[in-house]
Protein backbone atom coordinates (compact mmCIF):
# COMPACT_ATOMS: atom_id res chain seq x y z
CA MET A 1 1.15 57.66 -6.12
CA ALA A 2 -1.11 57.04 -9.09
CA PHE A 3 1.80 55.37 -10.86
CA CYS A 4 2.42 53.08 -7.89
CA GLN A 5 -1.24 52.08 -7.68
CA SER A 6 -1.50 51.32 -11.39
CA THR A 7 1.74 49.35 -11.30
CA LEU A 8 0.47 47.34 -8.32
CA ILE A 9 -2.79 46.58 -10.10
CA LEU A 10 -0.85 45.46 -13.19
CA LEU A 11 1.41 43.19 -11.14
CA LEU A 12 -1.56 41.65 -9.33
CA GLY A 13 -3.21 40.98 -12.67
CA ILE A 14 -0.09 39.22 -13.94
CA LEU A 15 0.13 37.12 -10.76
CA LEU A 16 -3.50 36.07 -11.01
CA GLN A 17 -2.98 34.95 -14.60
CA THR A 18 0.19 33.03 -13.77
CA THR A 19 -0.22 29.29 -13.29
CA ILE A 20 1.55 28.12 -10.16
CA PRO A 21 3.63 25.03 -11.06
CA MET A 22 2.41 21.82 -9.49
CA THR A 23 4.65 20.02 -7.03
CA ILE A 24 6.12 16.64 -7.85
CA GLN A 25 3.48 14.95 -5.69
CA GLU A 26 0.63 17.01 -7.19
CA LEU A 27 1.77 15.89 -10.64
CA ARG A 28 1.53 12.30 -9.48
CA ILE A 29 -1.96 12.81 -8.06
CA LYS A 30 -3.07 14.29 -11.37
CA ALA A 31 -1.52 11.32 -13.18
CA LEU A 32 -3.32 8.97 -10.77
CA HIS A 33 -6.69 10.44 -11.77
CA ASP A 34 -5.96 10.80 -15.48
CA THR A 35 -4.56 7.29 -15.82
CA ALA A 36 -7.43 5.68 -13.89
CA SER A 37 -9.91 7.48 -16.11
CA ASP A 38 -8.17 6.50 -19.35
CA VAL A 39 -7.55 2.89 -18.35
CA SER A 40 -11.04 2.32 -16.98
CA GLN A 41 -12.62 3.75 -20.12
CA PHE A 42 -10.40 1.49 -22.23
CA VAL A 43 -11.56 -1.48 -20.16
CA ASN A 44 -15.18 -0.41 -20.41
CA SER A 45 -14.97 -0.22 -24.20
CA TYR A 46 -14.68 -4.03 -24.16
CA PHE A 47 -17.43 -4.61 -21.59
CA GLN A 48 -20.35 -6.69 -22.89
CA THR A 49 -18.49 -7.48 -26.09
CA SER A 50 -16.84 -10.66 -27.34
CA ASN A 51 -13.67 -8.87 -28.43
CA PHE A 52 -11.37 -10.48 -25.88
CA THR A 53 -10.24 -13.90 -24.75
CA ILE A 54 -10.25 -15.44 -21.26
CA SER A 55 -7.65 -17.77 -19.81
CA SER A 56 -6.72 -19.15 -16.38
CA LYS A 57 -3.66 -18.18 -14.39
CA LYS A 58 -1.58 -20.57 -12.29
CA ASP A 59 -3.63 -19.76 -9.20
CA GLY A 60 -6.83 -20.69 -11.04
CA SER A 61 -8.12 -17.11 -11.34
CA GLU A 62 -9.28 -15.74 -14.66
CA VAL A 63 -7.45 -13.18 -16.77
CA THR A 64 -8.53 -11.57 -20.03
CA THR A 65 -6.54 -9.99 -22.81
CA VAL A 66 -8.09 -6.70 -21.69
CA ASP A 67 -6.48 -7.06 -18.22
CA ILE A 68 -3.10 -7.54 -19.86
CA GLU A 69 -3.40 -4.65 -22.32
CA ALA A 70 -4.87 -2.27 -19.73
CA GLU A 71 -2.04 -2.87 -17.27
CA LEU A 72 0.58 -2.30 -19.97
CA MET A 73 -1.21 0.94 -20.83
CA ALA A 74 -1.04 2.15 -17.21
CA ARG A 75 2.56 1.04 -16.82
CA GLN A 76 3.69 2.82 -19.97
CA VAL A 77 1.91 6.08 -19.13
CA LEU A 78 3.04 6.24 -15.50
CA LEU A 79 6.67 5.18 -16.01
CA GLU A 80 7.12 7.47 -18.99
CA ALA A 81 5.96 10.36 -16.81
CA PHE A 82 7.90 9.22 -13.71
CA PRO A 83 10.75 6.94 -14.89
CA ASP A 84 12.35 6.63 -11.43
CA ASP A 85 9.14 5.37 -9.81
CA GLY A 86 8.44 1.73 -9.09
CA PHE A 87 5.44 -0.13 -10.49
CA LEU A 88 3.61 -3.24 -9.30
CA GLY A 89 0.82 -4.75 -11.37
CA GLU A 90 -1.26 -7.88 -11.12
CA GLU A 91 -0.47 -9.17 -14.60
CA HIS A 92 3.13 -8.14 -15.36
CA GLY A 93 4.94 -8.10 -12.03
CA GLU A 94 7.15 -5.39 -10.57
CA VAL A 95 9.49 -2.69 -11.82
CA ILE A 96 11.81 -1.57 -9.03
CA GLY A 97 12.06 2.20 -8.65
CA SER A 98 14.81 4.36 -7.14
CA ASN A 99 13.03 7.27 -5.43
CA GLY A 100 10.60 5.73 -2.93
CA TYR A 101 7.45 6.11 -5.03
CA ARG A 102 5.62 3.03 -6.28
CA TRP A 103 2.44 2.66 -8.30
CA VAL A 104 0.23 -0.35 -7.51
CA VAL A 105 -2.26 -1.21 -10.23
CA ASP A 106 -5.09 -3.66 -10.78
CA PRO A 107 -6.40 -2.93 -14.28
CA ILE A 108 -9.59 -4.93 -13.73
CA ASP A 109 -10.51 -5.75 -10.16
CA GLY A 110 -13.39 -8.14 -10.58
CA THR A 111 -12.32 -9.90 -13.78
CA ALA A 112 -14.86 -12.66 -13.14
CA SER A 113 -17.63 -10.05 -13.18
CA PHE A 114 -16.23 -8.26 -16.24
CA ALA A 115 -15.95 -11.53 -18.19
CA ARG A 116 -19.59 -12.40 -17.37
CA ASN A 117 -21.05 -9.02 -18.34
CA VAL A 118 -21.65 -8.04 -14.70
CA PRO A 119 -20.85 -4.34 -14.11
CA LEU A 120 -19.22 -4.79 -10.67
CA PHE A 121 -15.59 -4.31 -11.74
CA GLY A 122 -13.16 -1.45 -11.66
CA THR A 123 -9.68 -0.10 -12.26
CA LEU A 124 -7.63 0.42 -9.08
CA ILE A 125 -4.49 2.55 -8.85
CA GLY A 126 -2.61 3.24 -5.65
CA LEU A 127 0.46 5.35 -4.95
CA GLU A 128 2.94 4.51 -2.20
CA TYR A 129 5.88 6.46 -0.82
CA GLU A 130 8.54 4.51 1.09
CA GLY A 131 6.11 1.62 1.36
CA VAL A 132 3.23 3.67 2.78
CA PRO A 133 0.04 4.13 0.71
CA ILE A 134 -0.51 7.87 0.24
CA ALA A 135 -3.20 8.03 -2.45
CA GLY A 136 -5.64 5.77 -4.23
CA ILE A 137 -8.44 5.75 -6.75
CA ALA A 138 -11.09 3.26 -7.84
CA SER A 139 -12.97 3.82 -11.07
CA LEU A 140 -15.98 1.58 -11.80
CA PRO A 141 -16.72 2.62 -15.38
CA ALA A 142 -19.78 0.47 -16.07
CA LEU A 143 -21.46 2.11 -13.08
CA GLY A 144 -20.04 5.56 -13.81
CA GLU A 145 -18.69 5.76 -10.26
CA THR A 146 -15.30 6.92 -8.97
CA ILE A 147 -13.87 7.36 -5.49
CA SER A 148 -10.43 8.63 -4.53
CA ALA A 149 -8.36 9.95 -1.66
CA VAL A 150 -5.05 11.51 -0.79
CA VAL A 151 -3.99 10.95 2.82
CA GLY A 152 -4.79 14.02 4.88
CA GLU A 153 -7.08 15.54 2.26
CA GLY A 154 -10.34 13.62 2.71
CA VAL A 155 -12.21 11.36 0.34
CA LYS A 156 -13.80 12.38 -2.95
CA HIS A 157 -16.76 10.53 -4.44
CA GLN A 158 -17.82 11.50 -7.94
CA GLY A 159 -15.35 14.37 -7.77
CA THR A 160 -16.78 16.06 -4.67
CA LYS A 161 -16.35 15.54 -0.94
CA GLY A 162 -17.60 12.09 0.01
CA GLU A 163 -19.91 11.36 2.93
CA GLY A 164 -17.72 8.54 4.18
CA VAL A 165 -18.49 5.35 6.06
CA SER A 166 -21.65 4.51 7.97
CA SER A 167 -22.22 5.02 11.69
CA VAL A 168 -23.76 1.60 12.41
CA ALA A 169 -22.47 0.54 15.82
CA THR A 170 -23.68 -3.04 16.43
CA LEU A 171 -23.00 -6.29 14.62
CA GLU A 172 -26.71 -7.11 14.77
CA ASP A 173 -27.45 -4.07 12.61
CA ALA A 174 -24.43 -4.41 10.31
CA MET A 175 -24.32 -5.40 6.67
CA ILE A 176 -21.04 -7.14 5.87
CA CYS A 177 -19.66 -8.11 2.47
CA THR A 178 -17.30 -10.94 1.59
CA THR A 179 -16.51 -11.93 -1.98
CA SER A 180 -16.54 -15.72 -2.01
CA TYR A 181 -16.29 -18.78 0.20
CA ASP A 182 -13.69 -20.00 -2.31
CA TYR A 183 -11.14 -17.62 -0.79
CA TYR A 184 -11.67 -19.11 2.65
CA LYS A 185 -11.00 -22.55 1.21
CA GLN A 186 -7.89 -21.33 -0.63
CA THR A 187 -6.47 -19.90 2.58
CA ASN A 188 -7.59 -22.79 4.81
CA THR A 189 -9.66 -20.37 6.90
CA GLU A 190 -13.07 -22.00 6.69
CA PRO A 191 -13.50 -21.53 10.49
CA LEU A 192 -13.18 -17.79 9.92
CA TYR A 193 -16.15 -17.93 7.56
CA GLN A 194 -18.16 -19.79 10.20
CA LYS A 195 -17.29 -17.09 12.75
CA LEU A 196 -18.42 -14.46 10.27
CA LEU A 197 -21.76 -16.21 9.88
CA GLU A 198 -22.12 -16.35 13.67
CA ALA A 199 -21.29 -12.65 14.12
CA ASN A 200 -25.01 -11.80 13.70
CA GLY A 201 -24.51 -9.37 10.84
CA SER A 202 -26.27 -9.61 7.48
CA ILE A 203 -23.85 -11.14 4.96
CA ARG A 204 -23.86 -10.22 1.26
CA GLY A 205 -21.63 -11.30 -1.61
CA TRP A 206 -21.26 -7.95 -3.35
CA SER A 207 -17.74 -8.52 -4.43
CA ASP A 208 -14.27 -7.17 -5.08
CA CYS A 209 -13.93 -3.40 -5.54
CA TYR A 210 -17.68 -2.87 -5.45
CA ALA A 211 -17.81 -3.97 -1.82
CA TYR A 212 -15.20 -1.40 -0.82
CA MET A 213 -17.04 1.27 -2.82
CA LEU A 214 -20.18 0.47 -0.82
CA LEU A 215 -18.23 0.59 2.45
CA CYS A 216 -16.55 3.92 1.72
CA THR A 217 -19.82 5.54 0.68
CA GLY A 218 -21.70 4.36 3.77
CA GLN A 219 -23.96 1.83 2.05
CA ILE A 220 -22.60 -1.21 3.88
CA ASP A 221 -20.73 -1.39 7.16
CA ALA A 222 -17.82 -3.81 6.75
CA VAL A 223 -15.86 -5.92 4.27
CA VAL A 224 -14.10 -9.14 5.28
CA GLU A 225 -11.69 -10.76 2.81
CA PRO A 226 -9.38 -13.64 3.81
CA LEU A 227 -7.23 -13.26 0.68
CA LEU A 228 -5.95 -9.94 -0.63
CA LEU A 229 -2.91 -9.15 -2.74
CA PRO A 230 -1.27 -5.70 -2.82
CA TRP A 231 -3.12 -4.55 -5.94
CA ASP A 232 -6.42 -5.57 -4.34
CA ILE A 233 -6.03 -3.43 -1.22
CA VAL A 234 -3.23 -0.84 -1.49
CA PRO A 235 -5.34 1.54 -3.63
CA TRP A 236 -8.17 1.26 -1.09
CA LEU A 237 -6.19 1.92 2.10
CA PRO A 238 -6.03 5.74 1.75
CA ILE A 239 -9.68 5.78 0.66
CA ILE A 240 -10.81 3.70 3.65
CA GLU A 241 -8.80 5.89 6.03
CA GLU A 242 -10.00 9.21 4.59
CA ALA A 243 -13.60 7.96 4.47
CA GLY A 244 -13.42 7.45 8.24
CA GLY A 245 -12.94 3.69 8.19
CA LYS A 246 -10.41 1.34 9.70
CA TYR A 247 -8.51 -1.65 8.32
CA SER A 248 -6.89 -4.58 10.14
CA PRO A 249 -5.12 -7.65 8.69
CA ILE A 250 -6.69 -11.07 9.06
CA ALA A 251 -5.57 -14.40 7.56
CA SER A 252 -4.04 -13.43 4.18
CA GLY A 253 -6.42 -10.51 3.80
CA GLY A 254 -8.14 -8.02 6.03
CA ILE A 255 -11.16 -6.50 7.73
CA ALA A 256 -12.34 -3.02 6.75
CA SER A 257 -15.21 -1.33 8.53
CA ASN A 258 -16.42 1.86 10.13
CA HIS A 259 -14.72 2.72 13.44
CA ASN A 260 -17.83 1.98 15.50
CA LEU A 261 -17.93 -1.67 14.46
CA HIS A 262 -14.27 -2.45 14.07
CA ASN A 263 -13.31 -3.72 17.50
CA ALA A 264 -16.47 -5.82 17.89
CA LEU A 265 -16.04 -7.38 14.45
CA CYS A 266 -12.36 -8.12 15.06
CA HIS A 267 -13.24 -9.68 18.41
CA ALA A 268 -15.94 -11.84 16.79
CA LEU A 269 -13.43 -13.03 14.19
CA SER A 270 -10.59 -13.48 16.72
CA CYS A 271 -8.21 -10.96 15.21
CA THR A 272 -6.32 -8.01 16.70
CA PRO A 273 -7.75 -4.62 15.63
């Protein structure tokens, strides 16, 4: 009996010391976090320096040499670790995968801010499976702020459980962010901007990824953007969902808000929630 007890204790000790292998998806979630941290710190090392050049893309938006290098860095790291995965980036296009997983990366969301020494920029990485966003992370290195989520597991802000979206329930009390009137002009949706102004909420121009960070941490109540590309929004969709928010398409972009406001805001902007 004593032998059996001592053997059991020994076996339990061995089991406790044994590292349980991570699943394929857990490995990807770890890579999501590690890559966002490394890429955002690389980007931040150039912030408020003159060690990069700025040029204009065909659509008129700005791009820096840091955007280009940072995306290549993410692409190399992620596809070396998961060579059968797909990859979509803002600066270098798409690599088609073969297993249903796809990484969606914006190395610097808020390039205009980054290039002007404004700290409201971040690195966004999303992970899709069979076209459905399943995880996302946003790292704003100049602010030292990170938020992430895996669908079904809640939202994490600064590495711990996040408080989520606000509970504001009326448009009159809502604070709503939209990046720039320029995007309404680009998408020929100037009437949508007028409707937003008439919706009675307080409108602020806190832009790009910073607006979604404020939404998902309960500091503002909605974000309206008439123009979003996959790398702008895919990383945020799991975060918005797990933070308790809701997202609906509008124009070439979308509306994100807390659940209490969503239907009223969609109705005010003549979209289907």
